[in-house]
Protein backbone atom coordinates (compact mmCIF):
# COMPACT_ATOMS: atom_id res chain seq x y z
CA MET A 1 0.00 0.00 0.00
CA LYS A 2 2.94 2.37 0.63
CA ARG A 3 3.94 1.98 -3.03
CA VAL A 4 0.40 2.80 -4.14
CA THR A 5 0.33 5.91 -1.91
CA ALA A 6 3.70 7.09 -3.22
CA PHE A 7 2.60 6.56 -6.83
CA VAL A 8 -0.64 8.46 -6.21
CA SER A 9 1.19 11.41 -4.64
CA VAL A 10 3.64 11.75 -7.54
CA TRP A 11 0.92 11.32 -10.14
CA LEU A 12 -1.30 14.00 -8.59
CA CYS A 13 1.58 16.48 -8.47
CA VAL A 14 2.21 15.94 -12.18
CA ALA A 15 -1.44 15.85 -13.25
CA LEU A 16 -2.64 18.87 -11.31
CA SER A 17 0.39 21.12 -11.73
CA PRO A 18 -0.99 22.81 -14.91
CA ILE A 19 -3.88 24.15 -12.75
CA PHE A 20 -6.41 22.05 -14.59
CA ALA A 21 -5.54 23.01 -18.16
CA TRP A 22 -8.71 22.76 -20.22
CA ALA A 23 -8.91 19.84 -22.64
CA ASP A 24 -10.46 20.37 -26.07
CA GLY A 25 -13.32 17.94 -25.35
CA MET A 26 -16.22 18.35 -22.96
CA VAL A 27 -14.95 18.31 -19.40
CA VAL A 28 -18.42 17.48 -18.02
CA ASP A 29 -18.65 13.74 -18.49
CA LYS A 30 -18.88 10.53 -16.51
CA VAL A 31 -17.33 10.43 -13.03
CA TYR A 32 -15.58 7.07 -12.98
CA HIS A 33 -15.70 4.64 -10.06
CA PRO A 34 -12.74 2.31 -9.47
CA TYR A 35 -14.64 -1.00 -9.41
CA VAL A 36 -14.60 -3.83 -11.95
CA LEU A 37 -17.05 -6.70 -11.40
CA PRO A 38 -15.95 -10.32 -12.00
CA ASN A 39 -16.89 -11.41 -15.56
CA GLU A 40 -18.36 -7.95 -16.15
CA LYS A 41 -20.04 -7.22 -19.50
CA ALA A 42 -21.60 -3.85 -20.23
CA ALA A 43 -23.40 -1.82 -22.90
CA GLU A 44 -23.30 1.95 -22.39
CA TRP A 45 -24.85 5.08 -23.89
CA ARG A 46 -23.97 8.65 -22.94
CA LEU A 47 -25.31 12.02 -24.00
CA HIS A 48 -23.37 15.26 -23.50
CA SER A 49 -24.75 18.74 -24.11
CA ARG A 50 -23.13 22.14 -23.55
CA GLN A 51 -24.77 25.49 -24.25
CA THR A 52 -22.98 28.83 -24.19
CA ASP A 53 -23.94 32.31 -25.38
CA THR A 54 -22.62 31.53 -28.85
CA LYS A 55 -22.58 27.75 -29.34
CA ASN A 56 -24.59 24.61 -28.71
CA TYR A 57 -22.59 21.38 -28.49
CA LEU A 58 -24.21 17.93 -28.53
CA ALA A 59 -22.50 14.54 -28.58
CA GLN A 60 -23.42 10.92 -27.95
CA ARG A 61 -21.30 7.85 -27.42
CA PHE A 62 -22.11 4.16 -27.57
CA GLY A 63 -19.87 1.57 -25.95
CA LEU A 64 -19.45 -2.16 -25.36
CA GLY A 65 -17.06 -3.58 -22.78
CA PHE A 66 -16.14 -6.61 -20.71
CA ALA A 67 -13.73 -7.78 -18.04
CA VAL A 68 -10.65 -9.52 -19.42
CA ALA A 69 -9.06 -10.43 -16.07
CA GLU A 70 -9.66 -9.92 -12.36
CA GLY A 71 -9.97 -6.19 -11.78
CA LEU A 72 -9.32 -5.32 -15.44
CA ALA A 73 -11.94 -4.29 -18.05
CA ILE A 74 -11.81 -2.90 -21.59
CA GLU A 75 -14.44 -0.93 -23.52
CA GLY A 76 -14.75 0.48 -27.02
CA PHE A 77 -16.78 3.56 -28.01
CA ALA A 78 -18.15 5.15 -31.15
CA ILE A 79 -18.65 8.90 -30.68
CA GLY A 80 -21.17 10.93 -32.66
CA GLU A 81 -21.30 14.73 -32.66
CA ARG A 82 -23.87 17.14 -34.03
CA ASN A 83 -22.67 19.69 -36.55
CA PRO A 84 -22.97 23.07 -34.74
CA ASN A 85 -23.96 24.68 -38.05
CA ASP A 86 -26.59 22.05 -38.92
CA SER A 87 -28.69 20.72 -36.03
CA ASP A 88 -30.01 17.82 -38.15
CA ASN A 89 -26.58 16.55 -39.16
CA TYR A 90 -24.73 14.02 -36.96
CA ASP A 91 -21.26 12.76 -37.79
CA LEU A 92 -19.31 9.76 -36.56
CA ALA A 93 -16.62 11.95 -35.07
CA ALA A 94 -14.26 9.57 -33.25
CA PHE A 95 -13.48 6.11 -31.94
CA GLU A 96 -12.17 5.49 -28.44
CA GLY A 97 -10.68 2.55 -26.55
CA GLU A 98 -10.71 2.43 -22.76
CA VAL A 99 -9.04 0.29 -20.09
CA ARG A 100 -10.12 0.36 -16.41
CA TRP A 101 -7.96 -1.24 -13.72
CA GLN A 102 -9.10 -1.73 -10.12
CA ILE A 103 -5.72 -1.68 -8.38
CA VAL A 104 -6.78 -2.52 -4.80
CA GLU A 105 -9.40 -4.84 -3.33
CA GLN A 106 -12.59 -2.99 -2.43
CA GLY A 107 -12.73 -2.07 1.25
CA LYS A 108 -9.28 -3.42 2.08
CA TYR A 109 -7.64 -0.01 2.61
CA TRP A 110 -8.81 3.41 3.78
CA ALA A 111 -9.93 4.22 0.22
CA ASP A 112 -10.46 2.41 -3.08
CA TRP A 113 -8.25 3.19 -6.07
CA GLY A 114 -8.29 2.56 -9.80
CA LEU A 115 -6.62 3.65 -13.03
CA LEU A 116 -8.10 4.60 -16.38
CA PHE A 117 -6.39 4.60 -19.77
CA GLU A 118 -8.03 5.94 -22.95
CA LEU A 119 -6.99 6.44 -26.57
CA GLU A 120 -9.18 8.45 -28.98
CA LYS A 121 -8.81 8.92 -32.76
CA ARG A 122 -10.82 11.47 -34.72
CA THR A 123 -12.32 9.97 -37.87
CA LYS A 124 -11.91 12.93 -40.25
CA GLU A 125 -8.80 14.55 -38.83
CA SER A 126 -5.24 13.62 -37.95
CA ALA A 127 -5.87 14.10 -34.23
CA TYR A 128 -5.23 11.77 -31.32
CA GLU A 129 -5.84 12.00 -27.58
CA ALA A 130 -4.38 9.72 -24.88
CA THR A 131 -5.60 9.92 -21.30
CA THR A 132 -4.29 8.49 -18.04
CA GLY A 133 -6.69 8.80 -15.12
CA LEU A 134 -6.46 8.23 -11.40
CA ILE A 135 -9.73 7.17 -9.71
CA PHE A 136 -10.40 7.58 -5.98
CA GLU A 137 -13.44 6.59 -3.92
CA LYS A 138 -14.05 6.75 -0.16
CA GLU A 139 -17.21 5.82 1.73
CA ILE A 140 -18.07 8.12 4.63
CA GLY A 141 -21.09 6.82 6.47
CA ARG A 142 -23.97 6.79 3.97
CA THR A 143 -22.10 9.06 1.59
CA SER A 144 -19.41 8.41 -1.02
CA LEU A 145 -16.71 10.76 -2.30
CA THR A 146 -15.41 9.97 -5.78
CA MET A 147 -12.63 11.92 -7.53
CA ASN A 148 -11.02 11.60 -10.96
CA ALA A 149 -7.79 13.30 -12.05
CA PHE A 150 -6.82 12.99 -15.73
CA LEU A 151 -3.55 13.73 -17.50
CA ILE A 152 -4.11 14.16 -21.26
CA ARG A 153 -1.79 14.24 -24.26
CA GLU A 154 -3.03 15.51 -27.64
CA TRP A 155 -1.12 15.30 -30.91
CA GLY A 156 -1.56 15.09 -34.69
CA LYS A 157 -1.32 17.14 -37.88
CA ASP A 158 -4.69 18.81 -37.29
CA ILE A 159 -4.34 19.57 -33.58
CA GLU A 160 -1.85 21.38 -31.41
CA ASP A 161 0.55 19.05 -29.58
CA GLU A 162 0.06 19.70 -25.88
CA TRP A 163 -0.40 18.31 -22.39
CA GLU A 164 -3.63 19.01 -20.53
CA SER A 165 -5.49 17.85 -17.43
CA GLU A 166 -9.00 17.60 -16.00
CA PHE A 167 -10.54 17.04 -12.59
CA ARG A 168 -13.97 15.65 -11.66
CA ALA A 169 -15.52 15.06 -8.24
CA GLN A 170 -18.82 13.63 -7.03
CA TYR A 171 -20.14 13.56 -3.48
CA ARG A 172 -23.29 11.44 -3.30
CA TYR A 173 -25.75 10.37 -0.64
CA ARG A 174 -26.70 6.70 -0.87
CA LEU A 175 -30.37 7.26 -0.07
CA VAL A 176 -31.64 4.12 -1.80
CA PRO A 177 -30.01 2.17 -4.66
CA ALA A 178 -32.51 3.51 -7.21
CA PHE A 179 -32.00 7.18 -6.30
CA GLN A 180 -28.78 8.73 -4.98
CA PRO A 181 -28.51 12.54 -5.16
CA ALA A 182 -25.07 14.10 -5.52
CA ILE A 183 -23.09 17.28 -5.93
CA GLU A 184 -20.61 17.27 -8.83
CA ILE A 185 -17.60 19.50 -9.54
CA TYR A 186 -15.66 19.80 -12.80
CA ALA A 187 -12.53 21.89 -13.33
CA GLY A 188 -10.46 22.96 -16.33
CA GLN A 189 -8.72 25.98 -17.80
CA ASP A 190 -11.28 28.84 -17.93
CA PHE A 191 -13.86 26.41 -16.54
CA PHE A 192 -15.05 25.66 -13.04
CA GLY A 193 -18.48 24.06 -12.90
CA ILE A 194 -20.69 22.77 -10.13
CA GLY A 195 -24.20 21.37 -10.00
CA PRO A 196 -26.53 18.55 -8.95
CA GLY A 197 -26.17 14.97 -10.07
CA PHE A 198 -28.40 11.94 -9.71
CA ILE A 199 -27.43 8.27 -9.80
CA GLY A 200 -29.60 5.17 -9.74
CA LEU A 201 -29.22 1.41 -9.88
CA TYR A 202 -31.82 -1.27 -10.55
CA ARG A 203 -30.80 -4.91 -10.09
CA PHE A 204 -32.31 -7.74 -12.06
CA GLU A 205 -31.77 -11.46 -11.52
CA GLY A 206 -28.17 -12.56 -11.15
CA GLN A 207 -25.47 -10.03 -12.05
CA ARG A 208 -27.67 -8.07 -14.46
CA GLN A 209 -28.25 -4.45 -13.47
CA LEU A 210 -29.14 -1.11 -15.03
CA LYS A 211 -27.37 2.08 -13.97
CA TRP A 212 -28.51 5.59 -14.84
CA GLU A 213 -26.87 8.96 -14.23
CA ALA A 214 -27.79 12.57 -14.89
CA GLY A 215 -26.20 15.90 -14.06
CA PHE A 216 -26.70 19.60 -14.73
CA ILE A 217 -23.54 21.66 -14.35
CA SER A 218 -23.22 25.45 -14.48
CA GLU A 219 -19.91 27.20 -15.06
CA ILE A 220 -19.42 29.72 -12.23
CA GLY A 221 -15.96 31.08 -13.01
CA HIS A 222 -17.03 33.75 -15.51
CA ASN A 223 -20.05 35.72 -16.69
CA GLY A 224 -22.33 34.52 -19.46
CA LYS A 225 -24.32 31.41 -20.22
CA ASP A 226 -22.41 28.13 -19.93
CA HIS A 227 -24.50 25.11 -18.93
CA SER A 228 -23.74 21.43 -19.41
CA PHE A 229 -26.09 18.45 -19.17
CA ARG A 230 -25.08 14.82 -19.09
CA LEU A 231 -27.14 11.64 -19.20
CA ALA A 232 -25.92 8.03 -19.15
CA LEU A 233 -27.39 4.53 -19.18
CA GLU A 234 -25.29 1.41 -18.58
CA TYR A 235 -26.55 -2.16 -18.67
CA GLU A 236 -24.28 -4.73 -17.01
CA TYR A 237 -24.85 -8.45 -17.52
């Protein structure tokens, strides 16, 4: 555990030193939890919307994933984005591969930890994005604190080569499995957003379960309209 703690400390210093440099994508997205279920299989859909005074962004992603080993899962996504100049036109904008690694046994230490690795390729541009993420979760009574810190590298002929970072946090009250209210925080360069989130879980027979999430985040660091909405459904079986 001492090695894990040392690694976490060094990683956070590196990841957060740019003072949350804003990544080119939407910073308001899923807050990841560090857990991987045995023999996990999942189908996932996410919707992301961001409205400002001048633009209206809308994107969806569809993913399929499964556990490949104990504590290790992979998932692939197809990402569609609406053309901001044509509200009826959706493009297949990117593909993304994701690896989640639960690095400690749940409940064994004072907090639960995981790692996230992602690689994204734009379909119509020479643009790549690689992400390394640290995932933290701690139960405090009937509440849970979850934090994500991401270090991002972008490169390609059609994008500026640069390092960036993002931070996400969620503090939720485990009222009942089907309805868990939360407060969510997202940070990036020229962006600091906060707002309510809602999480639910419905269990079927066996390991099958349906998760849903929603959040409405308002940017509070500057004047003007800047609201983000996220919605996600994940079916595990």
